[in-house]
Amino acid sequence: MPAAIIENFKTILTKKYFCFEGRADRAEFWYWFLACVIINVVLGIVDRFIGKPILFCLFSLAILLPYLGVMARRLHDTGKSGWMILLGLIPVIGGLIVLLLCIPESQKGDNQYGPQPGAAQPAAPEN
């Protein structure tokens, strides 16, 4: 995996494990999503050799909170409430709807959820 994907994955697992506040730009979300898909595929293959889906299940359980957190922050970045994740509970198409909500570009500038990720913040005035 490229270094950016690995670095992003480590940041979310260490510094933003249970963070539902703020915003996450598209790169942060999609790098996280790609890393999770790759790891799940590899663990699925290993589990097939073992005969039980234990590694896949343990990994999925371990990343549940960080996944919900980065998805909520991504929805915040597009100007939507993090509670929109609950659309994922709609049978068959819910997960796809939530993923489609994560595709749009970031809202420019600050919004009610915080400053735009990666944007230069103005310097604080000196006294």
N, C-alpha and C. Protein backbone atom coordinates (compact mmCIF):
# COMPACT_ATOMS: atom_id res chain seq x y z
N MET A 1 0.84 -1.18 0.00
CA MET A 1 0.00 0.00 0.00
C MET A 1 0.89 1.25 0.00
N PRO A 2 0.47 2.27 -0.70
CA PRO A 2 1.25 3.50 -0.69
C PRO A 2 1.36 4.09 0.71
N ALA A 3 2.39 4.89 0.90
CA ALA A 3 2.68 5.46 2.22
C ALA A 3 1.54 6.33 2.73
N ALA A 4 0.86 7.07 1.86
CA ALA A 4 -0.22 7.95 2.30
C ALA A 4 -1.36 7.15 2.91
N ILE A 5 -1.68 6.01 2.33
CA ILE A 5 -2.76 5.17 2.85
C ILE A 5 -2.38 4.63 4.22
N ILE A 6 -1.16 4.14 4.35
CA ILE A 6 -0.70 3.57 5.62
C ILE A 6 -0.66 4.64 6.70
N GLU A 7 -0.13 5.83 6.36
CA GLU A 7 -0.04 6.92 7.34
C GLU A 7 -1.42 7.36 7.79
N ASN A 8 -2.34 7.48 6.86
CA ASN A 8 -3.71 7.88 7.19
C ASN A 8 -4.37 6.83 8.08
N PHE A 9 -4.18 5.56 7.78
CA PHE A 9 -4.76 4.47 8.56
C PHE A 9 -4.23 4.52 10.00
N LYS A 10 -2.91 4.72 10.15
CA LYS A 10 -2.33 4.79 11.49
C LYS A 10 -2.83 5.99 12.27
N THR A 11 -2.99 7.13 11.60
CA THR A 11 -3.48 8.33 12.27
C THR A 11 -4.88 8.12 12.82
N ILE A 12 -5.74 7.54 12.01
CA ILE A 12 -7.11 7.32 12.47
C ILE A 12 -7.15 6.32 13.61
N LEU A 13 -6.33 5.28 13.54
CA LEU A 13 -6.34 4.28 14.61
C LEU A 13 -5.71 4.77 15.90
N THR A 14 -4.80 5.73 15.82
CA THR A 14 -4.12 6.18 17.03
C THR A 14 -4.65 7.49 17.58
N LYS A 15 -4.79 8.50 16.73
CA LYS A 15 -5.16 9.83 17.21
C LYS A 15 -6.65 10.13 17.10
N LYS A 16 -7.36 9.46 16.20
CA LYS A 16 -8.77 9.78 15.97
C LYS A 16 -9.66 8.55 16.13
N TYR A 17 -9.30 7.64 17.05
CA TYR A 17 -10.00 6.38 17.18
C TYR A 17 -11.47 6.57 17.51
N PHE A 18 -11.77 7.50 18.41
CA PHE A 18 -13.15 7.71 18.85
C PHE A 18 -13.53 9.17 18.65
N CYS A 19 -13.17 9.74 17.52
CA CYS A 19 -13.40 11.15 17.23
C CYS A 19 -14.55 11.31 16.24
N PHE A 20 -15.63 11.91 16.72
CA PHE A 20 -16.80 12.14 15.88
C PHE A 20 -16.99 13.63 15.61
N GLU A 21 -16.09 14.47 16.08
CA GLU A 21 -16.20 15.90 15.90
C GLU A 21 -15.22 16.38 14.86
N GLY A 22 -15.56 17.48 14.20
CA GLY A 22 -14.68 18.04 13.20
C GLY A 22 -15.03 17.53 11.81
N ARG A 23 -14.06 17.64 10.92
CA ARG A 23 -14.29 17.31 9.53
C ARG A 23 -13.15 16.44 9.00
N ALA A 24 -13.48 15.60 8.02
CA ALA A 24 -12.48 14.75 7.35
C ALA A 24 -12.64 14.97 5.84
N ASP A 25 -11.55 15.33 5.19
CA ASP A 25 -11.65 15.56 3.75
C ASP A 25 -11.78 14.23 3.00
N ARG A 26 -12.01 14.33 1.69
CA ARG A 26 -12.24 13.12 0.90
C ARG A 26 -11.06 12.16 0.96
N ALA A 27 -9.85 12.70 0.89
CA ALA A 27 -8.67 11.83 0.91
C ALA A 27 -8.60 11.01 2.19
N GLU A 28 -8.82 11.67 3.32
CA GLU A 28 -8.77 10.95 4.60
C GLU A 28 -9.79 9.82 4.61
N PHE A 29 -11.02 10.08 4.23
CA PHE A 29 -12.06 9.06 4.25
C PHE A 29 -11.77 7.92 3.28
N TRP A 30 -11.47 8.26 2.02
CA TRP A 30 -11.31 7.22 1.02
C TRP A 30 -10.03 6.41 1.19
N TYR A 31 -8.96 7.04 1.71
CA TYR A 31 -7.76 6.25 2.04
C TYR A 31 -8.08 5.26 3.16
N TRP A 32 -8.84 5.71 4.16
CA TRP A 32 -9.25 4.81 5.25
C TRP A 32 -10.09 3.67 4.70
N PHE A 33 -11.06 4.01 3.87
CA PHE A 33 -11.95 3.00 3.30
C PHE A 33 -11.17 1.99 2.47
N LEU A 34 -10.25 2.46 1.63
CA LEU A 34 -9.44 1.57 0.79
C LEU A 34 -8.57 0.65 1.64
N ALA A 35 -7.94 1.20 2.67
CA ALA A 35 -7.10 0.38 3.56
C ALA A 35 -7.94 -0.71 4.23
N CYS A 36 -9.12 -0.35 4.69
CA CYS A 36 -10.00 -1.34 5.35
C CYS A 36 -10.42 -2.44 4.37
N VAL A 37 -10.74 -2.07 3.15
CA VAL A 37 -11.15 -3.07 2.14
C VAL A 37 -9.99 -4.01 1.85
N ILE A 38 -8.79 -3.47 1.66
CA ILE A 38 -7.62 -4.31 1.35
C ILE A 38 -7.34 -5.27 2.50
N ILE A 39 -7.34 -4.76 3.73
CA ILE A 39 -7.07 -5.62 4.89
C ILE A 39 -8.16 -6.67 5.04
N ASN A 40 -9.42 -6.30 4.84
CA ASN A 40 -10.50 -7.28 4.94
C ASN A 40 -10.39 -8.37 3.88
N VAL A 41 -9.98 -8.03 2.67
CA VAL A 41 -9.80 -9.04 1.63
C VAL A 41 -8.68 -10.00 2.02
N VAL A 42 -7.56 -9.46 2.49
CA VAL A 42 -6.44 -10.32 2.90
C VAL A 42 -6.85 -11.22 4.06
N LEU A 43 -7.52 -10.66 5.05
CA LEU A 43 -7.95 -11.47 6.20
C LEU A 43 -9.00 -12.50 5.79
N GLY A 44 -9.84 -12.15 4.83
CA GLY A 44 -10.81 -13.12 4.32
C GLY A 44 -10.14 -14.30 3.66
N ILE A 45 -9.07 -14.04 2.92
CA ILE A 45 -8.32 -15.12 2.28
C ILE A 45 -7.65 -15.99 3.34
N VAL A 46 -7.04 -15.35 4.33
CA VAL A 46 -6.39 -16.12 5.41
C VAL A 46 -7.43 -16.94 6.17
N ASP A 47 -8.57 -16.34 6.44
CA ASP A 47 -9.63 -17.07 7.15
C ASP A 47 -10.14 -18.26 6.35
N ARG A 48 -10.12 -18.14 5.04
CA ARG A 48 -10.56 -19.26 4.19
C ARG A 48 -9.63 -20.47 4.40
N PHE A 49 -8.33 -20.20 4.55
CA PHE A 49 -7.38 -21.28 4.81
C PHE A 49 -7.56 -21.85 6.21
N ILE A 50 -7.86 -20.97 7.17
CA ILE A 50 -8.07 -21.42 8.55
C ILE A 50 -9.36 -22.22 8.67
N GLY A 51 -10.37 -21.80 7.92
CA GLY A 51 -11.66 -22.49 7.97
C GLY A 51 -12.70 -21.79 8.81
N LYS A 52 -12.31 -20.72 9.51
CA LYS A 52 -13.23 -19.95 10.34
C LYS A 52 -12.96 -18.46 10.11
N PRO A 53 -14.01 -17.64 10.07
CA PRO A 53 -13.81 -16.21 9.80
C PRO A 53 -13.43 -15.39 11.03
N ILE A 54 -12.52 -15.90 11.84
CA ILE A 54 -12.22 -15.23 13.10
C ILE A 54 -11.43 -13.94 12.91
N LEU A 55 -10.42 -13.91 12.05
CA LEU A 55 -9.61 -12.71 11.86
C LEU A 55 -10.43 -11.60 11.24
N PHE A 56 -11.23 -11.94 10.24
CA PHE A 56 -12.09 -10.96 9.58
C PHE A 56 -13.05 -10.34 10.59
N CYS A 57 -13.65 -11.15 11.43
CA CYS A 57 -14.62 -10.66 12.42
C CYS A 57 -13.94 -9.80 13.47
N LEU A 58 -12.77 -10.21 13.95
CA LEU A 58 -12.05 -9.43 14.95
C LEU A 58 -11.63 -8.07 14.40
N PHE A 59 -11.12 -8.05 13.18
CA PHE A 59 -10.71 -6.79 12.56
C PHE A 59 -11.92 -5.88 12.34
N SER A 60 -13.00 -6.45 11.85
CA SER A 60 -14.21 -5.65 11.62
C SER A 60 -14.73 -5.04 12.91
N LEU A 61 -14.69 -5.78 13.98
CA LEU A 61 -15.11 -5.28 15.28
C LEU A 61 -14.16 -4.19 15.78
N ALA A 62 -12.86 -4.39 15.57
CA ALA A 62 -11.87 -3.42 16.04
C ALA A 62 -11.97 -2.08 15.32
N ILE A 63 -12.36 -2.08 14.06
CA ILE A 63 -12.42 -0.82 13.30
C ILE A 63 -13.82 -0.22 13.25
N LEU A 64 -14.77 -0.78 13.94
CA LEU A 64 -16.14 -0.26 13.88
C LEU A 64 -16.22 1.20 14.34
N LEU A 65 -15.70 1.52 15.52
CA LEU A 65 -15.77 2.90 16.02
C LEU A 65 -14.96 3.87 15.16
N PRO A 66 -13.72 3.54 14.78
CA PRO A 66 -13.01 4.48 13.91
C PRO A 66 -13.71 4.67 12.56
N TYR A 67 -14.33 3.62 12.04
CA TYR A 67 -15.04 3.73 10.78
C TYR A 67 -16.24 4.66 10.91
N LEU A 68 -17.01 4.51 11.98
CA LEU A 68 -18.14 5.40 12.20
C LEU A 68 -17.68 6.84 12.42
N GLY A 69 -16.55 7.00 13.12
CA GLY A 69 -16.02 8.33 13.38
C GLY A 69 -15.58 9.03 12.11
N VAL A 70 -14.81 8.35 11.27
CA VAL A 70 -14.33 8.99 10.03
C VAL A 70 -15.50 9.24 9.08
N MET A 71 -16.50 8.38 9.09
CA MET A 71 -17.66 8.61 8.23
C MET A 71 -18.46 9.81 8.73
N ALA A 72 -18.63 9.95 10.04
CA ALA A 72 -19.34 11.11 10.58
C ALA A 72 -18.58 12.40 10.25
N ARG A 73 -17.25 12.38 10.40
CA ARG A 73 -16.46 13.57 10.07
C ARG A 73 -16.53 13.88 8.58
N ARG A 74 -16.60 12.85 7.73
CA ARG A 74 -16.72 13.08 6.28
C ARG A 74 -18.07 13.71 5.96
N LEU A 75 -19.13 13.23 6.59
CA LEU A 75 -20.45 13.82 6.39
C LEU A 75 -20.46 15.27 6.87
N HIS A 76 -19.78 15.55 7.99
CA HIS A 76 -19.67 16.92 8.47
C HIS A 76 -18.97 17.79 7.43
N ASP A 77 -17.97 17.25 6.77
CA ASP A 77 -17.21 18.01 5.79
C ASP A 77 -18.07 18.40 4.59
N THR A 78 -19.08 17.60 4.29
CA THR A 78 -19.97 17.92 3.18
C THR A 78 -21.18 18.73 3.65
N GLY A 79 -21.22 19.09 4.94
CA GLY A 79 -22.30 19.91 5.48
C GLY A 79 -23.49 19.13 5.98
N LYS A 80 -23.35 17.82 6.12
CA LYS A 80 -24.46 16.99 6.58
C LYS A 80 -24.20 16.53 8.02
N SER A 81 -25.25 16.17 8.70
CA SER A 81 -25.14 15.68 10.07
C SER A 81 -24.54 14.27 10.08
N GLY A 82 -23.76 13.99 11.11
CA GLY A 82 -23.20 12.65 11.27
C GLY A 82 -24.26 11.60 11.50
N TRP A 83 -25.44 12.04 11.94
CA TRP A 83 -26.54 11.11 12.18
C TRP A 83 -27.05 10.49 10.88
N MET A 84 -26.64 11.04 9.75
CA MET A 84 -27.04 10.47 8.45
C MET A 84 -26.48 9.05 8.29
N ILE A 85 -25.52 8.68 9.12
CA ILE A 85 -24.98 7.31 9.10
C ILE A 85 -26.10 6.31 9.33
N LEU A 86 -27.11 6.71 10.08
CA LEU A 86 -28.22 5.80 10.38
C LEU A 86 -28.99 5.38 9.13
N LEU A 87 -28.82 6.10 8.02
CA LEU A 87 -29.42 5.66 6.76
C LEU A 87 -28.88 4.29 6.35
N GLY A 88 -27.69 3.96 6.85
CA GLY A 88 -27.09 2.66 6.57
C GLY A 88 -27.90 1.50 7.11
N LEU A 89 -28.83 1.78 8.00
CA LEU A 89 -29.67 0.72 8.56
C LEU A 89 -30.81 0.32 7.63
N ILE A 90 -31.02 1.08 6.55
CA ILE A 90 -32.04 0.72 5.57
C ILE A 90 -31.58 -0.55 4.86
N PRO A 91 -32.39 -1.60 4.86
CA PRO A 91 -31.96 -2.85 4.23
C PRO A 91 -31.62 -2.67 2.75
N VAL A 92 -30.65 -3.41 2.31
CA VAL A 92 -30.18 -3.54 0.94
C VAL A 92 -29.45 -2.29 0.41
N ILE A 93 -30.06 -1.10 0.46
CA ILE A 93 -29.45 0.06 -0.18
C ILE A 93 -28.90 1.10 0.79
N GLY A 94 -29.10 0.92 2.08
CA GLY A 94 -28.69 1.91 3.06
C GLY A 94 -27.21 2.23 3.05
N GLY A 95 -26.38 1.21 3.03
CA GLY A 95 -24.94 1.42 3.01
C GLY A 95 -24.47 2.16 1.77
N LEU A 96 -25.08 1.85 0.64
CA LEU A 96 -24.74 2.52 -0.61
C LEU A 96 -25.14 4.00 -0.55
N ILE A 97 -26.28 4.29 0.04
CA ILE A 97 -26.72 5.68 0.17
C ILE A 97 -25.71 6.48 0.99
N VAL A 98 -25.26 5.92 2.11
CA VAL A 98 -24.31 6.63 2.96
C VAL A 98 -22.99 6.83 2.23
N LEU A 99 -22.51 5.82 1.51
CA LEU A 99 -21.27 5.99 0.75
C LEU A 99 -21.41 7.06 -0.32
N LEU A 100 -22.56 7.13 -0.96
CA LEU A 100 -22.79 8.15 -1.98
C LEU A 100 -22.79 9.56 -1.37
N LEU A 101 -23.22 9.68 -0.12
CA LEU A 101 -23.20 10.97 0.56
C LEU A 101 -21.78 11.42 0.88
N CYS A 102 -20.82 10.49 0.86
CA CYS A 102 -19.43 10.82 1.17
C CYS A 102 -18.64 11.23 -0.07
N ILE A 103 -19.24 11.17 -1.24
CA ILE A 103 -18.53 11.47 -2.48
C ILE A 103 -18.34 12.97 -2.75
N PRO A 104 -19.33 13.83 -2.46
CA PRO A 104 -19.18 15.25 -2.86
C PRO A 104 -17.93 15.91 -2.29
N GLU A 105 -17.53 17.01 -2.94
CA GLU A 105 -16.38 17.77 -2.47
C GLU A 105 -16.69 18.41 -1.12
N SER A 106 -15.64 18.81 -0.44
CA SER A 106 -15.78 19.49 0.84
C SER A 106 -16.44 20.84 0.67
N GLN A 107 -17.17 21.26 1.69
CA GLN A 107 -17.67 22.62 1.68
C GLN A 107 -16.49 23.55 1.86
N LYS A 108 -16.45 24.59 1.07
CA LYS A 108 -15.35 25.56 1.16
C LYS A 108 -15.49 26.38 2.43
N GLY A 109 -14.38 26.63 3.06
CA GLY A 109 -14.37 27.44 4.27
C GLY A 109 -14.93 26.70 5.47
N ASP A 110 -15.16 27.47 6.52
CA ASP A 110 -15.69 26.88 7.75
C ASP A 110 -17.17 26.58 7.60
N ASN A 111 -17.64 25.56 8.31
CA ASN A 111 -19.07 25.30 8.43
C ASN A 111 -19.38 25.05 9.90
N GLN A 112 -20.60 24.66 10.21
CA GLN A 112 -20.98 24.51 11.62
C GLN A 112 -20.22 23.41 12.34
N TYR A 113 -19.49 22.58 11.59
CA TYR A 113 -18.75 21.46 12.20
C TYR A 113 -17.27 21.76 12.39
N GLY A 114 -16.80 22.90 11.90
CA GLY A 114 -15.41 23.28 12.10
C GLY A 114 -14.76 23.82 10.84
N PRO A 115 -13.47 24.09 10.94
CA PRO A 115 -12.75 24.63 9.78
C PRO A 115 -12.52 23.56 8.72
N GLN A 116 -12.32 24.02 7.50
CA GLN A 116 -12.07 23.10 6.39
C GLN A 116 -10.73 22.41 6.60
N PRO A 117 -10.68 21.08 6.49
CA PRO A 117 -9.42 20.36 6.66
C PRO A 117 -8.42 20.77 5.58
N GLY A 118 -7.19 20.98 6.01
CA GLY A 118 -6.13 21.30 5.07
C GLY A 118 -6.08 22.76 4.64
N ALA A 119 -7.09 23.54 5.00
CA ALA A 119 -7.09 24.96 4.65
C ALA A 119 -6.22 25.72 5.63
N ALA A 120 -5.55 26.72 5.12
CA ALA A 120 -4.70 27.56 5.98
C ALA A 120 -5.59 28.35 6.92
N GLN A 121 -5.29 28.26 8.20
CA GLN A 121 -6.06 28.99 9.21
C GLN A 121 -5.40 30.35 9.46
N PRO A 122 -6.20 31.40 9.63
CA PRO A 122 -5.61 32.71 9.90
C PRO A 122 -4.87 32.71 11.22
N ALA A 123 -3.79 33.46 11.27
CA ALA A 123 -2.99 33.53 12.49
C ALA A 123 -3.77 34.29 13.56
N ALA A 124 -3.59 33.88 14.79
CA ALA A 124 -4.25 34.54 15.92
C ALA A 124 -3.61 35.91 16.11
N PRO A 125 -4.40 36.94 16.40
CA PRO A 125 -3.84 38.27 16.61
C PRO A 125 -2.98 38.30 17.86
N GLU A 126 -1.87 39.02 17.76
CA GLU A 126 -0.96 39.14 18.91
C GLU A 126 -1.41 40.31 19.76
N ASN A 127 -1.23 40.17 21.06
CA ASN A 127 -1.61 41.26 21.99
C ASN A 127 -0.43 42.09 22.34
